[in-house]
């Protein structure tokens, strides 16, 4: 098993996810760095969409809001 296959098999969840939950570069990691530990919430996602945020961070926050924060 090469290092790329090992990375996929070490994930705890059986999904198409390529990085572990809370891993480097994920929305949860960015929110934790900025706001401290805790669950990812709709308010944290909205706060991440500031003018200084990168387009990738904004896209991740929009995805979270669309899937988890609909009323």
N, C-alpha and C. Protein backbone atom coordinates (compact mmCIF):
# COMPACT_ATOMS: atom_id res chain seq x y z
N UNK A 1 0.85 -1.18 0.00
CA UNK A 1 0.00 0.00 0.00
C UNK A 1 0.90 1.24 0.00
N UNK A 2 0.70 2.13 -0.96
CA UNK A 2 1.51 3.34 -1.01
C UNK A 2 0.95 4.40 -0.07
N UNK A 3 1.64 5.52 0.05
CA UNK A 3 1.25 6.54 1.02
C UNK A 3 -0.10 7.17 0.70
N UNK A 4 -0.49 7.22 -0.57
CA UNK A 4 -1.77 7.81 -0.94
C UNK A 4 -2.92 6.89 -0.57
N UNK A 5 -2.73 5.59 -0.80
CA UNK A 5 -3.77 4.63 -0.41
C UNK A 5 -3.91 4.58 1.10
N UNK A 6 -2.80 4.65 1.80
CA UNK A 6 -2.83 4.61 3.27
C UNK A 6 -3.64 5.78 3.83
N UNK A 7 -3.49 6.95 3.20
CA UNK A 7 -4.21 8.14 3.64
C UNK A 7 -5.72 7.93 3.54
N UNK A 8 -6.17 7.29 2.49
CA UNK A 8 -7.60 7.06 2.32
C UNK A 8 -8.12 6.00 3.28
N UNK A 9 -7.31 5.01 3.60
CA UNK A 9 -7.76 3.94 4.48
C UNK A 9 -7.73 4.34 5.95
N UNK A 10 -7.00 5.41 6.29
CA UNK A 10 -6.93 5.83 7.68
C UNK A 10 -8.12 6.67 8.10
N UNK A 11 -8.95 7.09 7.15
CA UNK A 11 -10.13 7.88 7.50
C UNK A 11 -11.13 7.00 8.25
N UNK A 12 -11.76 7.56 9.26
CA UNK A 12 -12.71 6.81 10.06
C UNK A 12 -14.05 6.66 9.37
N UNK A 13 -14.40 7.63 8.56
CA UNK A 13 -15.70 7.60 7.90
C UNK A 13 -15.59 6.95 6.52
N UNK A 14 -16.66 6.34 6.10
CA UNK A 14 -16.69 5.75 4.76
C UNK A 14 -17.40 6.71 3.83
N UNK A 15 -16.67 7.73 3.39
CA UNK A 15 -17.22 8.74 2.50
C UNK A 15 -16.22 9.00 1.38
N UNK A 16 -16.53 9.97 0.56
CA UNK A 16 -15.61 10.36 -0.51
C UNK A 16 -14.64 11.43 -0.03
N UNK A 17 -14.65 11.70 1.25
CA UNK A 17 -13.78 12.74 1.83
C UNK A 17 -12.32 12.37 1.61
N UNK A 18 -11.49 13.34 1.26
CA UNK A 18 -10.08 13.06 1.02
C UNK A 18 -9.20 13.54 2.16
N UNK A 19 -9.73 14.34 3.08
CA UNK A 19 -8.98 14.76 4.25
C UNK A 19 -9.79 14.44 5.49
N UNK A 20 -9.14 14.15 6.60
CA UNK A 20 -9.89 13.85 7.82
C UNK A 20 -10.69 15.06 8.29
N UNK A 21 -11.77 14.81 9.02
CA UNK A 21 -12.61 15.90 9.51
C UNK A 21 -11.77 16.77 10.44
N UNK A 22 -11.77 18.08 10.20
CA UNK A 22 -10.96 19.00 11.00
C UNK A 22 -9.52 19.08 10.54
N UNK A 23 -9.20 18.44 9.43
CA UNK A 23 -7.84 18.45 8.90
C UNK A 23 -7.45 19.81 8.35
N UNK A 24 -6.18 19.97 8.07
CA UNK A 24 -5.63 21.22 7.57
C UNK A 24 -6.35 21.67 6.30
N UNK A 25 -6.80 22.92 6.26
CA UNK A 25 -7.45 23.47 5.07
C UNK A 25 -8.95 23.29 5.04
N UNK A 26 -9.50 22.56 5.98
CA UNK A 26 -10.95 22.37 6.00
C UNK A 26 -11.63 23.56 6.66
N UNK A 27 -12.91 23.67 6.43
CA UNK A 27 -13.67 24.78 7.01
C UNK A 27 -13.61 24.73 8.53
N UNK A 28 -13.74 23.55 9.11
CA UNK A 28 -13.69 23.41 10.56
C UNK A 28 -12.34 23.85 11.11
N UNK A 29 -11.27 23.53 10.44
CA UNK A 29 -9.93 23.94 10.89
C UNK A 29 -9.80 25.46 10.85
N UNK A 30 -10.34 26.07 9.81
CA UNK A 30 -10.28 27.53 9.70
C UNK A 30 -11.10 28.20 10.79
N UNK A 31 -12.29 27.64 11.09
CA UNK A 31 -13.15 28.20 12.12
C UNK A 31 -12.52 28.01 13.50
N UNK A 32 -11.91 26.87 13.74
CA UNK A 32 -11.26 26.60 15.02
C UNK A 32 -10.11 27.55 15.25
N UNK A 33 -9.34 27.80 14.20
CA UNK A 33 -8.19 28.72 14.32
C UNK A 33 -8.65 30.14 14.64
N UNK A 34 -9.76 30.55 14.04
CA UNK A 34 -10.23 31.92 14.22
C UNK A 34 -11.09 32.11 15.47
N UNK A 35 -11.95 31.13 15.78
CA UNK A 35 -12.92 31.31 16.86
C UNK A 35 -12.73 30.38 18.04
N UNK A 36 -11.78 29.47 18.01
CA UNK A 36 -11.56 28.53 19.10
C UNK A 36 -12.31 27.24 18.87
N UNK A 37 -12.08 26.28 19.76
CA UNK A 37 -12.68 24.95 19.60
C UNK A 37 -14.19 25.00 19.78
N UNK A 38 -14.84 23.99 19.25
CA UNK A 38 -16.29 23.88 19.37
C UNK A 38 -16.90 23.38 18.07
N UNK A 39 -18.19 23.12 18.13
CA UNK A 39 -18.90 22.65 16.93
C UNK A 39 -18.93 23.74 15.88
N UNK A 40 -18.99 23.30 14.63
CA UNK A 40 -19.15 24.23 13.52
C UNK A 40 -20.60 24.68 13.53
N UNK A 41 -20.82 25.99 13.55
CA UNK A 41 -22.18 26.51 13.60
C UNK A 41 -22.42 27.46 12.43
N UNK A 42 -23.69 27.77 12.25
CA UNK A 42 -24.07 28.68 11.15
C UNK A 42 -23.47 30.07 11.36
N UNK A 43 -23.44 30.52 12.62
CA UNK A 43 -22.89 31.85 12.88
C UNK A 43 -21.39 31.90 12.60
N UNK A 44 -20.66 30.83 12.89
CA UNK A 44 -19.23 30.78 12.57
C UNK A 44 -19.02 30.83 11.06
N UNK A 45 -19.86 30.11 10.33
CA UNK A 45 -19.73 30.09 8.87
C UNK A 45 -20.01 31.48 8.30
N UNK A 46 -21.01 32.16 8.83
CA UNK A 46 -21.31 33.52 8.35
C UNK A 46 -20.17 34.49 8.64
N UNK A 47 -19.55 34.34 9.82
CA UNK A 47 -18.44 35.22 10.19
C UNK A 47 -17.21 34.98 9.32
N UNK A 48 -17.04 33.75 8.83
CA UNK A 48 -15.89 33.45 7.98
C UNK A 48 -16.00 34.11 6.60
N UNK A 49 -17.19 34.51 6.21
CA UNK A 49 -17.39 35.14 4.90
C UNK A 49 -17.17 36.64 4.96
N UNK A 50 -16.02 37.07 5.41
CA UNK A 50 -15.72 38.49 5.50
C UNK A 50 -15.05 38.96 4.21
N UNK A 51 -14.81 40.24 4.12
CA UNK A 51 -14.14 40.78 2.94
C UNK A 51 -12.72 40.26 2.81
N UNK A 52 -12.06 39.96 3.94
CA UNK A 52 -10.67 39.50 3.90
C UNK A 52 -10.54 38.01 3.61
N UNK A 53 -11.64 37.28 3.58
CA UNK A 53 -11.60 35.84 3.35
C UNK A 53 -11.23 35.53 1.89
N UNK A 54 -10.58 34.41 1.70
CA UNK A 54 -10.25 33.99 0.34
C UNK A 54 -11.51 33.46 -0.34
N UNK A 55 -11.46 33.36 -1.64
CA UNK A 55 -12.63 32.88 -2.37
C UNK A 55 -12.93 31.42 -2.03
N UNK A 56 -11.88 30.64 -1.73
CA UNK A 56 -12.09 29.24 -1.36
C UNK A 56 -12.79 29.14 0.00
N UNK A 57 -12.40 29.97 0.95
CA UNK A 57 -13.04 29.98 2.26
C UNK A 57 -14.50 30.40 2.14
N UNK A 58 -14.76 31.38 1.31
CA UNK A 58 -16.15 31.82 1.09
C UNK A 58 -16.98 30.71 0.48
N UNK A 59 -16.40 29.98 -0.46
CA UNK A 59 -17.12 28.88 -1.10
C UNK A 59 -17.41 27.77 -0.09
N UNK A 60 -16.43 27.47 0.77
CA UNK A 60 -16.64 26.45 1.80
C UNK A 60 -17.75 26.89 2.77
N UNK A 61 -17.73 28.15 3.17
CA UNK A 61 -18.74 28.67 4.09
C UNK A 61 -20.13 28.65 3.44
N UNK A 62 -20.20 29.02 2.17
CA UNK A 62 -21.48 28.97 1.45
C UNK A 62 -22.01 27.55 1.37
N UNK A 63 -21.13 26.59 1.12
CA UNK A 63 -21.55 25.19 1.07
C UNK A 63 -22.14 24.77 2.42
N UNK A 64 -21.45 25.12 3.50
CA UNK A 64 -21.94 24.76 4.83
C UNK A 64 -23.30 25.40 5.10
N UNK A 65 -23.43 26.67 4.77
CA UNK A 65 -24.70 27.37 5.00
C UNK A 65 -25.83 26.76 4.18
N UNK A 66 -25.56 26.41 2.95
CA UNK A 66 -26.59 25.83 2.09
C UNK A 66 -27.07 24.47 2.59
N UNK A 67 -26.16 23.67 3.11
CA UNK A 67 -26.53 22.32 3.52
C UNK A 67 -26.99 22.22 4.96
N UNK A 68 -26.55 23.12 5.82
CA UNK A 68 -26.82 22.96 7.25
C UNK A 68 -27.66 24.06 7.88
N UNK A 69 -27.85 25.15 7.20
CA UNK A 69 -28.50 26.29 7.85
C UNK A 69 -29.76 26.76 7.15
N UNK A 70 -30.41 25.88 6.45
CA UNK A 70 -31.66 26.24 5.80
C UNK A 70 -32.82 26.18 6.80
N UNK A 71 -33.72 27.11 6.71
CA UNK A 71 -34.87 27.11 7.62
C UNK A 71 -36.11 26.65 6.92
